[in-house]
């Protein structure tokens, strides 16, 4: 996303704006709906997001981590995983959609990456049945 420009925004099949890019790591096309808050950010910066290095990005994440009390070593990769876990998986977004939005080459990459959070979700879901049983 560090190379995102307005050239990457196209009108999709649904008549709405979508980000269309090729991921450098996998060389695969990704299509992501442009959400209202993201559009606001683009407009704020006159449709060109400021470019920052990965090192600077990670430094900002570390500052945010300190402020919100995250004890882990913050990085772009960890932030991406936290986002996927908290926003997508805890809001019941299907794994196939998470995989597509993250640009994973295969579903197994997504499943391996998020197995722990999926198991926590399973445990939380099954707890409902434990509470309702006699014993």
Protein backbone atom coordinates (compact mmCIF):
# COMPACT_ATOMS: atom_id res chain seq x y z
CA UNK A 1 0.00 0.00 0.00
CA UNK A 2 3.01 2.28 0.28
CA UNK A 3 2.81 2.81 -3.49
CA UNK A 4 -0.93 3.50 -3.57
CA UNK A 5 -1.97 6.33 -5.86
CA UNK A 6 -5.27 7.41 -7.39
CA UNK A 7 -4.30 5.37 -10.48
CA UNK A 8 -4.99 2.28 -8.36
CA UNK A 9 -8.58 3.30 -7.69
CA UNK A 10 -11.12 2.02 -10.19
CA UNK A 11 -14.86 1.70 -10.35
CA UNK A 12 -15.71 -1.94 -9.64
CA UNK A 13 -18.46 -4.28 -10.75
CA UNK A 14 -20.73 -2.81 -8.08
CA UNK A 15 -20.30 0.80 -9.20
CA UNK A 16 -18.17 1.60 -6.14
CA UNK A 17 -14.51 2.50 -5.88
CA UNK A 18 -12.01 -0.32 -5.44
CA UNK A 19 -8.25 -0.37 -4.90
CA UNK A 20 -6.69 -2.53 -7.64
CA UNK A 21 -3.02 -3.43 -7.19
CA UNK A 22 -0.45 -6.12 -7.81
CA UNK A 23 1.20 -7.33 -4.60
CA UNK A 24 4.98 -7.21 -4.86
CA UNK A 25 5.50 -10.26 -2.65
CA UNK A 26 3.21 -12.65 -4.54
CA UNK A 27 2.79 -10.80 -7.86
CA UNK A 28 -0.95 -11.41 -7.51
CA UNK A 29 -3.70 -8.91 -8.18
CA UNK A 30 -5.63 -7.75 -5.15
CA UNK A 31 -8.94 -5.92 -5.16
CA UNK A 32 -10.04 -4.13 -2.02
CA UNK A 33 -13.16 -1.98 -1.64
CA UNK A 34 -12.23 1.64 -0.88
CA UNK A 35 -13.89 2.31 2.45
CA UNK A 36 -15.17 5.79 3.34
CA UNK A 37 -12.46 6.47 5.97
CA UNK A 38 -9.72 5.47 3.50
CA UNK A 39 -11.25 7.79 0.90
CA UNK A 40 -11.26 10.61 3.46
CA UNK A 41 -7.55 10.00 4.08
CA UNK A 42 -6.79 10.11 0.37
CA UNK A 43 -8.75 13.34 -0.02
CA UNK A 44 -6.97 14.83 3.00
CA UNK A 45 -3.65 14.30 1.21
CA UNK A 46 -4.90 15.47 -2.20
CA UNK A 47 -5.20 11.88 -3.46
CA UNK A 48 -1.52 11.07 -2.88
CA UNK A 49 -0.65 9.40 0.41
CA UNK A 50 2.63 10.50 1.96
CA UNK A 51 5.39 7.98 1.37
CA UNK A 52 7.28 6.74 4.38
CA UNK A 53 9.92 4.06 4.73
CA UNK A 54 9.16 0.72 6.34
CA UNK A 55 11.56 1.71 9.13
CA UNK A 56 9.64 4.93 9.82
CA UNK A 57 6.31 3.07 9.59
CA UNK A 58 7.53 0.57 12.20
CA UNK A 59 8.74 3.44 14.43
CA UNK A 60 5.25 4.97 14.32
CA UNK A 61 3.72 1.59 15.17
CA UNK A 62 6.04 1.25 18.17
CA UNK A 63 4.91 4.66 19.43
CA UNK A 64 1.27 3.63 19.04
CA UNK A 65 2.01 0.34 20.81
CA UNK A 66 3.48 2.19 23.79
CA UNK A 67 0.49 4.54 23.99
CA UNK A 68 -2.10 1.73 23.90
CA UNK A 69 -0.08 -0.66 26.06
CA UNK A 70 0.82 -3.37 23.54
CA UNK A 71 3.76 -5.33 24.92
CA UNK A 72 4.83 -7.00 21.66
CA UNK A 73 7.52 -5.68 19.34
CA UNK A 74 5.44 -3.75 16.82
CA UNK A 75 6.02 -4.11 13.09
CA UNK A 76 4.05 -3.71 9.87
CA UNK A 77 3.61 -7.48 9.68
CA UNK A 78 2.29 -7.71 13.25
CA UNK A 79 -0.05 -4.76 12.69
CA UNK A 80 -1.45 -6.48 9.61
CA UNK A 81 -2.06 -9.68 11.57
CA UNK A 82 -3.67 -7.82 14.48
CA UNK A 83 -5.93 -5.97 12.05
CA UNK A 84 -6.99 -9.20 10.36
CA UNK A 85 -7.61 -10.91 13.69
CA UNK A 86 -9.52 -8.15 15.41
CA UNK A 87 -11.39 -6.54 12.57
CA UNK A 88 -12.04 -9.41 10.19
CA UNK A 89 -12.07 -12.66 12.13
CA UNK A 90 -13.76 -11.36 15.28
CA UNK A 91 -16.46 -9.83 13.11
CA UNK A 92 -17.17 -13.14 11.39
CA UNK A 93 -15.68 -12.23 8.02
CA UNK A 94 -15.22 -15.59 6.26
CA UNK A 95 -11.65 -16.88 6.07
CA UNK A 96 -11.81 -16.90 2.25
CA UNK A 97 -12.46 -13.16 2.22
CA UNK A 98 -9.70 -12.51 4.77
CA UNK A 99 -7.33 -14.50 2.57
CA UNK A 100 -8.29 -12.56 -0.55
CA UNK A 101 -8.08 -9.16 1.14
CA UNK A 102 -4.67 -9.95 2.61
CA UNK A 103 -3.45 -11.21 -0.76
CA UNK A 104 -2.35 -14.60 0.50
CA UNK A 105 -1.25 -16.99 -2.24
CA UNK A 106 -3.35 -19.84 -0.85
CA UNK A 107 -6.01 -20.39 1.81
CA UNK A 108 -3.58 -22.57 3.75
CA UNK A 109 -1.34 -19.52 4.32
CA UNK A 110 -4.27 -17.72 5.95
CA UNK A 111 -5.34 -20.79 7.92
CA UNK A 112 -1.81 -21.40 9.23
CA UNK A 113 -1.38 -17.73 10.16
CA UNK A 114 -4.67 -17.44 12.02
CA UNK A 115 -5.07 -20.91 13.52
CA UNK A 116 -4.66 -19.62 17.10
CA UNK A 117 -7.31 -16.94 16.77
CA UNK A 118 -9.67 -19.37 15.07
CA UNK A 119 -9.21 -21.81 17.96
CA UNK A 120 -9.98 -19.01 20.45
CA UNK A 121 -13.11 -18.20 18.48
CA UNK A 122 -14.13 -21.86 18.50
CA UNK A 123 -13.61 -22.04 22.27
CA UNK A 124 -15.68 -18.89 22.81
CA UNK A 125 -18.47 -20.21 20.60
CA UNK A 126 -18.50 -23.60 22.30
CA UNK A 127 -18.57 -21.99 25.77
CA UNK A 128 -22.22 -21.20 25.09
CA UNK A 129 -22.93 -24.92 24.99
CA UNK A 130 -20.99 -25.60 28.20
CA UNK A 131 -23.01 -22.98 30.07
CA UNK A 132 -26.24 -24.56 28.91
CA UNK A 133 -25.39 -28.15 29.82
CA UNK A 134 -26.03 -29.87 33.14
CA UNK A 135 -22.80 -31.43 33.36
